[in-house]
Amino acid sequence: MNTRFLIIAAAALTLIVPRPSAAAPTGVQWTPDSNRLLVSKDVGNERWAITLNVSDFSASGNIYFTSGEAPGFVWCSKTGEDFDAKVGELDLQYSCYGASSGFGGFTEGDWSLISDSVFLPLSFFIPPAETCDLSGALNGSSSGSSGNFWNCGGSEGTFQFQVFANGTAFSSATGAFDYDAVSEGCRIAQLADGSFLDLEYSPSLDHLTLYETTTDVKTLIVSECAREDF
């Protein structure tokens, strides 16, 4: 295992602990099957191309070095999480391993531990927001006065979703729940059942993206939503 790669990888992983800067070069996209999120970001002086598997939060990818040497490989398994309610951020704890390019095949010794205490914010895998004002995403003041809904589909199938000005929301997949969308713009919220939810609204497209976790925070559910009238 390349010792220099391990040192660089450990340093770079330390740099991505804070919430990413909006000014940093960034690119995020999901795969057509909605099962993975693809991220390309500058971390320190290196370029990181990382794939998040939404089914188990595992992350893997490549590190590209400014020196032009062969890229390194990284694989991380989620071991825990920590929620900072003050800033609305869910930090994911990982155990991460690194490897250099294989030569003549693969061996068990290819991978070495970088760190078992890497914290990566969930926002690392979320595209830059078009707006933090979610008032345009509301479906009315309450469920009794709504004339439209969001038709959503993604990694866990299709469902209907609504969010209201009175601090409540409804999903045909899970039922009604408390959620104050206006105060949670550009923030991740923890719901009463222990799960986490982030809404990203595009006014220019009148389009909604949902990032949800299961109650045990073992799976990320990503859904794209279009507004429809009843």
Protein backbone atom coordinates (compact mmCIF):
# COMPACT_ATOMS: atom_id res chain seq x y z
CA MET A 1 0.00 0.00 0.00
CA ASN A 2 1.31 3.44 -0.94
CA THR A 3 2.17 5.20 2.35
CA ARG A 4 2.02 8.61 0.71
CA PHE A 5 -1.52 7.89 -0.46
CA LEU A 6 -2.61 6.98 3.06
CA ILE A 7 -1.20 10.22 4.46
CA ILE A 8 -2.85 12.36 1.77
CA ALA A 9 -6.15 10.50 2.08
CA ALA A 10 -6.22 10.89 5.86
CA ALA A 11 -5.51 14.61 5.58
CA ALA A 12 -8.14 15.10 2.88
CA LEU A 13 -10.77 13.22 4.84
CA THR A 14 -10.13 15.53 7.77
CA LEU A 15 -10.74 18.52 5.52
CA ILE A 16 -14.25 17.40 4.52
CA VAL A 17 -15.58 17.21 8.05
CA PRO A 18 -17.09 20.76 7.97
CA ARG A 19 -20.13 21.61 5.85
CA PRO A 20 -18.78 22.19 2.32
CA SER A 21 -18.32 25.77 1.18
CA ALA A 22 -20.76 26.95 -1.48
CA ALA A 23 -17.81 28.45 -3.34
CA ALA A 24 -16.00 25.13 -3.72
CA PRO A 25 -16.11 23.52 -7.18
CA THR A 26 -18.84 20.93 -6.93
CA GLY A 27 -20.97 18.52 -8.88
CA VAL A 28 -23.69 16.17 -7.64
CA GLN A 29 -25.95 13.91 -9.69
CA TRP A 30 -27.99 10.77 -9.11
CA THR A 31 -27.95 7.64 -11.26
CA PRO A 32 -30.93 6.79 -13.52
CA ASP A 33 -31.97 3.96 -11.17
CA SER A 34 -31.98 6.50 -8.27
CA ASN A 35 -29.90 4.12 -6.15
CA ARG A 36 -26.67 6.13 -6.03
CA LEU A 37 -25.50 9.72 -5.70
CA LEU A 38 -22.41 10.75 -7.66
CA VAL A 39 -20.23 13.54 -6.25
CA SER A 40 -17.19 15.30 -7.67
CA LYS A 41 -15.66 17.88 -5.33
CA ASP A 42 -12.34 19.50 -4.56
CA VAL A 43 -11.10 18.50 -1.10
CA GLY A 44 -8.01 20.44 -0.15
CA ASN A 45 -5.72 20.22 -3.19
CA GLU A 46 -7.22 16.96 -4.46
CA ARG A 47 -10.25 16.08 -6.57
CA TRP A 48 -12.59 13.52 -4.97
CA ALA A 49 -15.06 11.53 -7.08
CA ILE A 50 -17.31 9.67 -4.62
CA THR A 51 -20.39 7.46 -5.04
CA LEU A 52 -22.92 7.13 -2.20
CA ASN A 53 -24.99 3.93 -2.16
CA VAL A 54 -28.35 5.06 -0.74
CA SER A 55 -29.31 1.53 0.36
CA ASP A 56 -26.68 1.46 3.13
CA PHE A 57 -24.89 4.87 3.06
CA SER A 58 -21.61 3.22 1.98
CA ALA A 59 -19.34 5.52 -0.02
CA SER A 60 -16.61 4.66 -2.52
CA GLY A 61 -14.62 6.35 -5.25
CA ASN A 62 -11.34 7.87 -6.35
CA ILE A 63 -8.90 10.57 -5.29
CA TYR A 64 -7.14 12.40 -8.12
CA PHE A 65 -3.84 14.03 -7.20
CA THR A 66 -2.56 17.37 -8.48
CA SER A 67 0.87 15.76 -8.97
CA GLY A 68 -0.56 13.66 -11.80
CA GLU A 69 0.18 10.28 -10.19
CA ALA A 70 -2.24 7.37 -10.51
CA PRO A 71 -5.52 7.94 -8.62
CA GLY A 72 -6.15 6.34 -5.25
CA PHE A 73 -9.25 4.36 -4.29
CA VAL A 74 -11.42 4.85 -1.20
CA TRP A 75 -14.17 2.73 0.35
CA CYS A 76 -16.09 3.76 3.48
CA SER A 77 -18.76 2.00 5.54
CA LYS A 78 -21.14 3.99 7.75
CA THR A 79 -20.77 3.23 11.44
CA GLY A 80 -22.91 5.94 13.05
CA GLU A 81 -24.26 9.47 12.80
CA ASP A 82 -24.47 12.71 14.78
CA PHE A 83 -27.12 15.41 14.33
CA ASP A 84 -26.38 19.08 14.96
CA ALA A 85 -29.82 20.66 15.42
CA LYS A 86 -28.35 24.18 15.64
CA VAL A 87 -27.13 24.16 12.04
CA GLY A 88 -29.46 21.47 10.69
CA GLU A 89 -26.70 19.06 9.64
CA LEU A 90 -26.50 15.28 9.84
CA ASP A 91 -22.89 14.13 10.13
CA LEU A 92 -22.30 10.54 9.00
CA GLN A 93 -19.54 8.60 10.75
CA TYR A 94 -17.46 6.28 8.56
CA SER A 95 -14.71 3.73 8.72
CA CYS A 96 -12.65 4.36 5.58
CA TYR A 97 -10.07 2.27 3.73
CA GLY A 98 -7.73 3.25 0.92
CA ALA A 99 -5.93 1.40 -1.86
CA SER A 100 -3.65 2.12 -4.78
CA SER A 101 -4.26 0.79 -8.28
CA GLY A 102 -4.20 -2.99 -8.57
CA PHE A 103 -1.38 -4.68 -10.49
CA GLY A 104 -1.57 -8.23 -11.80
CA GLY A 105 -4.78 -8.87 -9.87
CA PHE A 106 -6.10 -8.19 -6.38
CA THR A 107 -4.95 -9.30 -2.93
CA GLU A 108 -6.41 -9.03 0.58
CA GLY A 109 -3.61 -6.64 1.48
CA ASP A 110 -4.56 -4.06 -1.15
CA TRP A 111 -6.72 -2.10 1.30
CA SER A 112 -5.49 -0.34 4.44
CA LEU A 113 -7.41 1.55 7.10
CA ILE A 114 -7.32 5.33 6.67
CA SER A 115 -9.45 6.13 9.71
CA ASP A 116 -12.39 4.65 11.58
CA SER A 117 -13.58 8.09 12.76
CA VAL A 118 -14.35 10.00 9.57
CA PHE A 119 -17.35 12.35 9.76
CA LEU A 120 -18.86 13.36 6.44
CA PRO A 121 -21.88 15.73 6.36
CA LEU A 122 -24.94 14.51 4.46
CA SER A 123 -24.94 17.89 2.70
CA PHE A 124 -21.78 16.71 0.89
CA PHE A 125 -24.13 14.60 -1.25
CA ILE A 126 -26.76 17.31 -1.83
CA PRO A 127 -26.51 19.75 -4.78
CA PRO A 128 -26.26 23.49 -4.06
CA ALA A 129 -29.69 24.92 -3.28
CA GLU A 130 -31.45 27.20 -5.75
CA THR A 131 -33.20 28.82 -2.79
CA CYS A 132 -33.56 28.41 0.96
CA ASP A 133 -37.10 29.83 0.81
CA LEU A 134 -39.47 26.85 0.77
CA SER A 135 -42.67 28.91 0.86
CA GLY A 136 -43.16 28.28 -2.86
CA ALA A 137 -43.14 24.53 -2.25
CA LEU A 138 -46.14 24.66 0.11
CA ASN A 139 -49.38 22.95 -0.92
CA GLY A 140 -51.60 25.32 1.07
CA SER A 141 -52.14 26.47 4.62
CA SER A 142 -53.32 23.05 5.81
CA SER A 143 -54.52 19.69 4.51
CA GLY A 144 -58.10 20.94 4.40
CA SER A 145 -57.30 23.81 2.03
CA SER A 146 -54.97 22.13 -0.42
CA GLY A 147 -55.59 22.02 -4.15
CA ASN A 148 -52.39 20.32 -5.25
CA PHE A 149 -49.77 17.78 -4.21
CA TRP A 150 -46.29 16.61 -5.13
CA ASN A 151 -46.13 13.39 -7.16
CA CYS A 152 -42.83 11.80 -6.14
CA GLY A 153 -40.73 8.88 -7.29
CA GLY A 154 -37.25 7.60 -6.58
CA SER A 155 -35.24 4.97 -4.76
CA GLU A 156 -38.24 3.64 -2.78
CA GLY A 157 -40.97 3.89 -5.43
CA THR A 158 -43.76 6.41 -6.01
CA PHE A 159 -45.88 8.30 -3.46
CA GLN A 160 -47.77 11.56 -2.94
CA PHE A 161 -46.34 14.27 -0.71
CA GLN A 162 -47.72 17.52 0.69
CA VAL A 163 -46.27 20.20 2.97
CA PHE A 164 -48.33 22.96 4.59
CA ALA A 165 -47.84 26.41 6.10
CA ASN A 166 -49.19 25.31 9.50
CA GLY A 167 -46.09 23.19 10.15
CA THR A 168 -47.44 19.82 9.05
CA ALA A 169 -46.83 17.52 6.11
CA PHE A 170 -48.26 14.34 4.63
CA SER A 171 -46.79 11.42 2.72
CA SER A 172 -48.93 8.64 1.30
CA ALA A 173 -46.02 6.31 2.18
CA THR A 174 -45.79 7.18 5.89
CA GLY A 175 -48.82 9.32 6.81
CA ALA A 176 -49.10 12.75 8.45
CA PHE A 177 -46.29 14.28 10.51
CA ASP A 178 -45.08 17.60 11.94
CA TYR A 179 -42.64 19.50 9.75
CA ASP A 180 -42.12 23.27 9.55
CA ALA A 181 -40.84 23.67 5.99
CA VAL A 182 -40.52 27.47 6.15
CA SER A 183 -38.03 27.34 9.03
CA GLU A 184 -36.13 24.31 7.69
CA GLY A 185 -34.95 25.74 4.36
CA CYS A 186 -31.38 24.59 3.54
CA ARG A 187 -31.41 22.52 6.73
CA ILE A 188 -31.85 18.87 7.62
CA ALA A 189 -34.60 18.27 10.17
CA GLN A 190 -35.08 15.40 12.59
CA LEU A 191 -38.69 14.19 12.71
CA ALA A 192 -40.53 12.83 15.74
CA ASP A 193 -39.92 9.19 14.72
CA GLY A 194 -36.13 9.74 14.65
CA SER A 195 -35.79 9.89 10.87
CA PHE A 196 -34.32 12.86 9.02
CA LEU A 197 -35.76 14.94 6.16
CA ASP A 198 -34.39 17.59 3.82
CA LEU A 199 -36.42 19.35 1.12
CA GLU A 200 -34.73 21.10 -1.81
CA TYR A 201 -37.02 23.32 -3.90
CA SER A 202 -36.36 24.71 -7.38
CA PRO A 203 -38.61 27.73 -8.10
CA SER A 204 -37.45 27.92 -11.71
CA LEU A 205 -38.64 24.36 -12.36
CA ASP A 206 -41.35 24.19 -9.66
CA HIS A 207 -39.64 20.97 -8.68
CA LEU A 208 -39.03 19.33 -5.30
CA THR A 209 -36.31 16.90 -4.20
CA LEU A 210 -36.71 14.91 -0.99
CA TYR A 211 -33.86 13.40 1.02
CA GLU A 212 -35.21 11.12 3.75
CA THR A 213 -33.65 8.54 6.03
CA THR A 214 -35.30 5.52 7.55
CA THR A 215 -35.92 5.69 11.31
CA ASP A 216 -32.77 3.61 11.96
CA VAL A 217 -30.77 5.91 9.63
CA LYS A 218 -29.46 2.93 7.68
CA THR A 219 -30.96 3.92 4.32
CA LEU A 220 -31.27 7.19 2.41
CA ILE A 221 -34.38 7.69 0.28
CA VAL A 222 -34.02 10.16 -2.59
CA SER A 223 -37.12 11.25 -4.52
CA GLU A 224 -37.86 13.75 -7.28
CA CYS A 225 -41.30 15.39 -7.22
CA ALA A 226 -43.54 17.24 -9.70
CA ARG A 227 -46.52 19.34 -8.62
CA GLU A 228 -49.99 18.15 -9.70
CA ASP A 229 -53.52 19.47 -9.09
CA PHE A 230 -56.22 17.34 -7.58
